Amino acid sequence: MKTNVLFLLICLVFFTSCKENPQESNPTKSSTLGLDLDSPEDNLTAFVKVRGSLTEGEEVIYYANGTIYAFVDGERDKPILGYEMYNIGKVLKAEGGYDLLTNEVLLYTDLKTGEVLETFNNPYTNKENKVLHVWNSPVNQEFRMQGKYGEWGINHNKYGKDRICMNADVFLAYPSPLKVADYPENSQSDLYEAVELFQFFFSESELNDASKPSTEVDISWTRIGPWLPWMEMGQRPGKLVYQGAGYKLSENDYDEMPAALRNYVMANKPEYRHAPTEYSSPNETSWTYYKKMNPK
């Protein structure tokens, strides 16, 4: 009887030792997010990772530079200004989605020297205009699964084996903050009309890398809009076309941007070094900022 009990105990120990460790038998957690950009929920997750970071409150920077062209029907269009800009922002969780909080800087520059301009020799009026740079704070957005335009979804296309472009084409038309009657030299129309075309290029494999809360991104930006208020062009026919490109940086890489841009910001408005601390509205624009600086 004792021998049988001993035998059973030995067998039990043997089979127990041969059994797989439960922790080892479970498959390791997938290192890929496996995002389906046709799914509204996955599309939103992807765009948060592209536009900001999945780590709540982590600041990212979008830097760009380019050229501003004057476009007048019946005339040869001409480059008239350069620009250096950045947008610094962070994403916070909100009910039904996320909030994007950003500050935006754009400095107008000389096409030949790259120098930040304080005055502009206007080739259309032959006047010297005082330049008012872009200091927009805040420039906030709501990312919601269900928004005022319906279910969430950013356009996307795949190129080659690993390249994706998400694009946002924003057409604007609303009453201008600068009425022609009040600002005859600074307003082209009582209706503000413009289009902003954003393209975000990134690696699909990096987007789906679960170990990375943010992904590297290259951007293209095109803007078509009216003459700037500080140009004092009145209702003269024509448009401004902005064309530029840039890339995404982490907040820690602020010093990688051109020194002229960084130094001007820190000397004039150092609060634009970071994103806003909390969500607020309405957003600032070049038109509302001009009105604030030149009240009537």
Foldseek 3Di string as FASTA:
>chain_A
DVVVVVVVVVVVVVVVVVDDDPVVPDDDDDQFQPADQVDLVSVQLLVCQAVAFLPFPFKKKWWKKFWKWWFFPPDDIDTFWIKTKMKMWGWHADVQHIKIFIWIWMFIADPPPRAGDQWGCDPVPRDIFGDDTDTKPTDMDDQGCQDPVGGGHWDKDDDPDWKMKTKDKDWDWDQFPDDCVNQQQQDQHRIWTKIKIKIWMFTNRQSGRNVGRHTKIKMKIKMKGDDGRRSSNGNDDIIMITTMITIMGGLVCVVVGDPSVVVVCCVPPVVNSHTDPDDDDDIDDSRNVVCVVPPD
